[in-house]
Amino acid sequence: MAKTGNRKCHFGRFQGPERGEGMMNRKEKGFSLVELLLVVVIIGIIASLAVPALQKAKVAAENGATFGTLRAIGSTQVNFFSQFGRFGRLTELNPIMGGGIGTLSPPSQIVRGKYFVFEMTPLNPTDAELKDSYIITARRAVSTDAIYQYEINQTGEIRQIFP
């Protein structure tokens, strides 16, 4: 009758299977290659589903922030008109809003973040043109995405032009 477990040898304890026990009965710790590959495939599938949704949510958030900026521009224009009797240029409004529109980029454009560009129509309006009306356009144009374009005018109405 063979004993199971560890048996003694000339050099100390023998840490292997007893005679007659196969290698398949021994429990090994760790993961097999197939298990690891399966986990990698599952993570890849989840990532392929999550990344487009994340990008779509990011674009929606940028569009929402731009819409909010246009609303702030509209209310700032009302204040500017009550003080000066005309509407303001983007270069005049941006400092009043604490640089909240974005950073100045020649010629008379303001860039917000990476993608949105704010500009007036005409690009450099005169004081006489600004007594009656203004049009400010916010455009998001990235080569890999659809073009988004919003417009605000002297009535405070914000319209989505594209898409």
C-alpha atoms as a PDB file:
ATOM      1  CA  MET A   1       0.000   0.000   0.000  1.00  0.00           C
ATOM      2  CA  ALA A   2       1.560   3.255  -1.157  1.00  0.00           C
ATOM      3  CA  LYS A   3       1.541   6.271   1.073  1.00  0.00           C
ATOM      4  CA  THR A   4       0.392   9.578  -0.315  1.00  0.00           C
ATOM      5  CA  GLY A   5       1.971  12.938   0.403  1.00  0.00           C
ATOM      6  CA  ASN A   6       5.651  13.709   0.829  1.00  0.00           C
ATOM      7  CA  ARG A   7       8.200  10.951   1.097  1.00  0.00           C
ATOM      8  CA  LYS A   8      11.767  11.054   2.309  1.00  0.00           C
ATOM      9  CA  CYS A   9      14.739  10.821   0.060  1.00  0.00           C
ATOM     10  CA  HIS A  10      18.488  10.899   0.684  1.00  0.00           C
ATOM     11  CA  PHE A  11      18.630  14.695   0.417  1.00  0.00           C
ATOM     12  CA  GLY A  12      15.641  15.733   2.530  1.00  0.00           C
ATOM     13  CA  ARG A  13      11.993  15.960   1.691  1.00  0.00           C
ATOM     14  CA  PHE A  14      10.882  15.031  -1.804  1.00  0.00           C
ATOM     15  CA  GLN A  15       8.241  17.431  -3.063  1.00  0.00           C
ATOM     16  CA  GLY A  16       6.733  15.545  -5.928  1.00  0.00           C
ATOM     17  CA  PRO A  17       3.930  13.149  -6.635  1.00  0.00           C
ATOM     18  CA  GLU A  18       4.120   9.653  -5.243  1.00  0.00           C
ATOM     19  CA  ARG A  19       4.750   6.761  -7.510  1.00  0.00           C
ATOM     20  CA  GLY A  20       1.645   6.035  -9.468  1.00  0.00           C
ATOM     21  CA  GLU A  21       0.252   9.539  -9.178  1.00  0.00           C
ATOM     22  CA  GLY A  22       0.069  11.285 -12.533  1.00  0.00           C
ATOM     23  CA  MET A  23       0.996  14.880 -13.241  1.00  0.00           C
ATOM     24  CA  MET A  24      -2.670  15.662 -13.995  1.00  0.00           C
ATOM     25  CA  ASN A  25      -3.753  15.092 -10.393  1.00  0.00           C
ATOM     26  CA  ARG A  26      -1.465  17.784  -9.080  1.00  0.00           C
ATOM     27  CA  LYS A  27      -3.103  21.216  -8.544  1.00  0.00           C
ATOM     28  CA  GLU A  28      -1.153  24.098 -10.072  1.00  0.00           C
ATOM     29  CA  LYS A  29      -1.581  27.730  -9.098  1.00  0.00           C
ATOM     30  CA  GLY A  30      -2.031  30.494 -11.703  1.00  0.00           C
ATOM     31  CA  PHE A  31      -3.929  30.971 -14.952  1.00  0.00           C
ATOM     32  CA  SER A  32      -3.615  29.085 -18.165  1.00  0.00           C
ATOM     33  CA  LEU A  33      -2.817  30.844 -21.419  1.00  0.00           C
ATOM     34  CA  VAL A  34      -6.325  30.195 -22.709  1.00  0.00           C
ATOM     35  CA  GLU A  35      -7.863  31.850 -19.656  1.00  0.00           C
ATOM     36  CA  LEU A  36      -5.659  34.899 -20.038  1.00  0.00           C
ATOM     37  CA  LEU A  37      -6.466  35.193 -23.753  1.00  0.00           C
ATOM     38  CA  LEU A  38     -10.166  34.930 -22.975  1.00  0.00           C
ATOM     39  CA  VAL A  39      -9.932  37.794 -20.485  1.00  0.00           C
ATOM     40  CA  VAL A  40      -8.037  39.924 -23.019  1.00  0.00           C
ATOM     41  CA  VAL A  41     -10.692  39.271 -25.681  1.00  0.00           C
ATOM     42  CA  ILE A  42     -13.519  40.180 -23.292  1.00  0.00           C
ATOM     43  CA  ILE A  43     -11.778  43.418 -22.286  1.00  0.00           C
ATOM     44  CA  GLY A  44     -11.235  44.225 -25.970  1.00  0.00           C
ATOM     45  CA  ILE A  45     -14.931  43.742 -26.756  1.00  0.00           C
ATOM     46  CA  ILE A  46     -15.986  45.936 -23.842  1.00  0.00           C
ATOM     47  CA  ALA A  47     -13.497  48.644 -24.880  1.00  0.00           C
ATOM     48  CA  SER A  48     -14.684  48.559 -28.487  1.00  0.00           C
ATOM     49  CA  LEU A  49     -18.223  49.227 -27.261  1.00  0.00           C
ATOM     50  CA  ALA A  50     -17.285  51.860 -24.684  1.00  0.00           C
ATOM     51  CA  VAL A  51     -14.849  54.055 -26.641  1.00  0.00           C
ATOM     52  CA  PRO A  52     -17.331  55.292 -29.308  1.00  0.00           C
ATOM     53  CA  ALA A  53     -19.914  56.045 -26.625  1.00  0.00           C
ATOM     54  CA  LEU A  54     -17.299  57.981 -24.658  1.00  0.00           C
ATOM     55  CA  GLN A  55     -16.320  60.022 -27.730  1.00  0.00           C
ATOM     56  CA  LYS A  56     -19.962  60.775 -28.498  1.00  0.00           C
ATOM     57  CA  ALA A  57     -20.521  61.943 -24.915  1.00  0.00           C
ATOM     58  CA  LYS A  58     -17.406  64.132 -25.099  1.00  0.00           C
ATOM     59  CA  VAL A  59     -18.653  65.871 -28.263  1.00  0.00           C
ATOM     60  CA  ALA A  60     -22.081  66.374 -26.680  1.00  0.00           C
ATOM     61  CA  ALA A  61     -20.461  67.953 -23.604  1.00  0.00           C
ATOM     62  CA  GLU A  62     -18.343  70.291 -25.754  1.00  0.00           C
ATOM     63  CA  ASN A  63     -21.431  71.314 -27.736  1.00  0.00           C
ATOM     64  CA  GLY A  64     -23.352  71.962 -24.521  1.00  0.00           C
ATOM     65  CA  ALA A  65     -20.534  74.101 -23.128  1.00  0.00           C
ATOM     66  CA  THR A  66     -20.428  76.090 -26.364  1.00  0.00           C
ATOM     67  CA  PHE A  67     -24.186  76.608 -26.249  1.00  0.00           C
ATOM     68  CA  GLY A  68     -23.817  77.916 -22.690  1.00  0.00           C
ATOM     69  CA  THR A  69     -21.013  80.239 -23.774  1.00  0.00           C
ATOM     70  CA  LEU A  70     -23.241  81.631 -26.524  1.00  0.00           C
ATOM     71  CA  ARG A  71     -25.954  82.320 -23.945  1.00  0.00           C
ATOM     72  CA  ALA A  72     -23.410  84.152 -21.774  1.00  0.00           C
ATOM     73  CA  ILE A  73     -22.282  86.152 -24.818  1.00  0.00           C
ATOM     74  CA  GLY A  74     -25.921  87.118 -25.470  1.00  0.00           C
ATOM     75  CA  SER A  75     -26.439  88.439 -21.946  1.00  0.00           C
ATOM     76  CA  THR A  76     -23.069  90.249 -22.024  1.00  0.00           C
ATOM     77  CA  GLN A  77     -24.085  91.880 -25.311  1.00  0.00           C
ATOM     78  CA  VAL A  78     -27.271  93.213 -23.688  1.00  0.00           C
ATOM     79  CA  ASN A  79     -25.214  94.796 -20.879  1.00  0.00           C
ATOM     80  CA  PHE A  80     -22.668  96.160 -23.358  1.00  0.00           C
ATOM     81  CA  PHE A  81     -25.441  97.694 -25.484  1.00  0.00           C
ATOM     82  CA  SER A  82     -27.046  99.389 -22.476  1.00  0.00           C
ATOM     83  CA  GLN A  83     -23.697 100.976 -21.521  1.00  0.00           C
ATOM     84  CA  PHE A  84     -22.286 101.955 -24.929  1.00  0.00           C
ATOM     85  CA  GLY A  85     -25.290 102.166 -27.271  1.00  0.00           C
ATOM     86  CA  ARG A  86     -23.905  99.465 -29.546  1.00  0.00           C
ATOM     87  CA  PHE A  87     -23.094  95.771 -29.415  1.00  0.00           C
ATOM     88  CA  GLY A  88     -19.565  94.656 -28.598  1.00  0.00           C
ATOM     89  CA  ARG A  89     -16.946  92.903 -30.672  1.00  0.00           C
ATOM     90  CA  LEU A  90     -15.641  89.534 -29.503  1.00  0.00           C
ATOM     91  CA  THR A  91     -12.333  91.151 -28.620  1.00  0.00           C
ATOM     92  CA  GLU A  92     -14.226  93.564 -26.335  1.00  0.00           C
ATOM     93  CA  LEU A  93     -16.518  90.927 -24.811  1.00  0.00           C
ATOM     94  CA  ASN A  94     -13.860  88.343 -23.946  1.00  0.00           C
ATOM     95  CA  PRO A  95     -12.103  90.510 -21.299  1.00  0.00           C
ATOM     96  CA  ILE A  96     -15.478  91.488 -19.807  1.00  0.00           C
ATOM     97  CA  MET A  97     -16.293  87.784 -19.441  1.00  0.00           C
ATOM     98  CA  GLY A  98     -12.898  87.150 -17.811  1.00  0.00           C
ATOM     99  CA  GLY A  99     -11.542  85.343 -20.869  1.00  0.00           C
ATOM    100  CA  GLY A 100     -14.470  82.924 -20.658  1.00  0.00           C
ATOM    101  CA  ILE A 101     -14.940  82.729 -24.395  1.00  0.00           C
ATOM    102  CA  GLY A 102     -11.406  81.542 -25.122  1.00  0.00           C
ATOM    103  CA  THR A 103      -8.064  82.791 -26.406  1.00  0.00           C
ATOM    104  CA  LEU A 104      -7.656  85.368 -29.137  1.00  0.00           C
ATOM    105  CA  SER A 105      -6.501  84.030 -32.481  1.00  0.00           C
ATOM    106  CA  PRO A 106      -5.894  86.372 -35.417  1.00  0.00           C
ATOM    107  CA  PRO A 107      -7.799  87.635 -37.314  1.00  0.00           C
ATOM    108  CA  SER A 108     -10.423  88.523 -34.675  1.00  0.00           C
ATOM    109  CA  GLN A 109     -11.328  84.924 -33.858  1.00  0.00           C
ATOM    110  CA  ILE A 110     -11.480  83.375 -30.424  1.00  0.00           C
ATOM    111  CA  VAL A 111     -10.608  79.713 -29.981  1.00  0.00           C
ATOM    112  CA  ARG A 112     -12.147  77.735 -27.139  1.00  0.00           C
ATOM    113  CA  GLY A 113     -10.458  74.464 -26.277  1.00  0.00           C
ATOM    114  CA  LYS A 114      -9.146  72.500 -29.214  1.00  0.00           C
ATOM    115  CA  TYR A 115     -12.037  72.616 -31.602  1.00  0.00           C
ATOM    116  CA  PHE A 116     -14.474  75.538 -31.304  1.00  0.00           C
ATOM    117  CA  VAL A 117     -13.817  78.844 -33.059  1.00  0.00           C
ATOM    118  CA  PHE A 118     -15.950  81.924 -32.339  1.00  0.00           C
ATOM    119  CA  GLU A 119     -16.102  84.696 -34.907  1.00  0.00           C
ATOM    120  CA  MET A 120     -18.285  87.654 -35.809  1.00  0.00           C
ATOM    121  CA  THR A 121     -19.916  88.316 -39.158  1.00  0.00           C
ATOM    122  CA  PRO A 122     -18.470  90.520 -40.592  1.00  0.00           C
ATOM    123  CA  LEU A 123     -15.102  89.624 -39.122  1.00  0.00           C
ATOM    124  CA  ASN A 124     -14.252  93.204 -38.048  1.00  0.00           C
ATOM    125  CA  PRO A 125     -17.555  95.103 -37.784  1.00  0.00           C
ATOM    126  CA  THR A 126     -17.606  98.874 -37.513  1.00  0.00           C
ATOM    127  CA  ASP A 127     -19.306 100.754 -34.670  1.00  0.00           C
ATOM    128  CA  ALA A 128     -22.097 101.755 -37.079  1.00  0.00           C
ATOM    129  CA  GLU A 129     -22.713  98.085 -37.968  1.00  0.00           C
ATOM    130  CA  LEU A 130     -22.832  97.160 -34.289  1.00  0.00           C
ATOM    131  CA  LYS A 131     -25.506  99.773 -33.464  1.00  0.00           C
ATOM    132  CA  ASP A 132     -28.261  97.603 -34.932  1.00  0.00           C
ATOM    133  CA  SER A 133     -27.171  93.998 -35.012  1.00  0.00           C
ATOM    134  CA  TYR A 134     -24.483  91.381 -34.617  1.00  0.00           C
ATOM    135  CA  ILE A 135     -23.980  87.754 -35.566  1.00  0.00           C
ATOM    136  CA  ILE A 136     -21.527  85.530 -33.705  1.00  0.00           C
ATOM    137  CA  THR A 137     -20.811  82.067 -35.022  1.00  0.00           C
ATOM    138  CA  ALA A 138     -19.334  79.172 -33.066  1.00  0.00           C
ATOM    139  CA  ARG A 139     -17.930  76.453 -35.303  1.00  0.00           C
ATOM    140  CA  ARG A 140     -16.536  73.033 -34.417  1.00  0.00           C
ATOM    141  CA  ALA A 141     -14.648  71.631 -37.330  1.00  0.00           C
ATOM    142  CA  VAL A 142     -12.450  68.604 -36.878  1.00  0.00           C
ATOM    143  CA  SER A 143     -11.443  66.552 -39.887  1.00  0.00           C
ATOM    144  CA  THR A 144     -12.628  63.288 -38.312  1.00  0.00           C
ATOM    145  CA  ASP A 145     -15.956  64.597 -36.949  1.00  0.00           C
ATOM    146  CA  ALA A 146     -19.055  66.213 -38.303  1.00  0.00           C
ATOM    147  CA  ILE A 147     -19.057  69.994 -38.473  1.00  0.00           C
ATOM    148  CA  TYR A 148     -21.098  71.660 -35.741  1.00  0.00           C
ATOM    149  CA  GLN A 149     -22.026  75.304 -36.132  1.00  0.00           C
ATOM    150  CA  TYR A 150     -24.132  77.553 -33.914  1.00  0.00           C
ATOM    151  CA  GLU A 151     -25.114  81.183 -34.397  1.00  0.00           C
ATOM    152  CA  ILE A 152     -26.403  83.901 -32.062  1.00  0.00           C
ATOM    153  CA  ASN A 153     -27.769  87.261 -33.151  1.00  0.00           C
ATOM    154  CA  GLN A 154     -28.971  90.504 -31.532  1.00  0.00           C
ATOM    155  CA  THR A 155     -32.293  88.931 -30.514  1.00  0.00           C
ATOM    156  CA  GLY A 156     -30.449  86.390 -28.348  1.00  0.00           C
ATOM    157  CA  GLU A 157     -31.724  83.521 -30.472  1.00  0.00           C
ATOM    158  CA  ILE A 158     -29.252  80.662 -30.795  1.00  0.00           C
ATOM    159  CA  ARG A 159     -29.617  78.536 -33.895  1.00  0.00           C
ATOM    160  CA  GLN A 160     -27.872  75.338 -34.824  1.00  0.00           C
ATOM    161  CA  ILE A 161     -26.768  75.661 -38.429  1.00  0.00           C
ATOM    162  CA  PHE A 162     -24.913  72.352 -38.865  1.00  0.00           C
ATOM    163  CA  PRO A 163     -25.465  69.390 -38.778  1.00  0.00           C
END
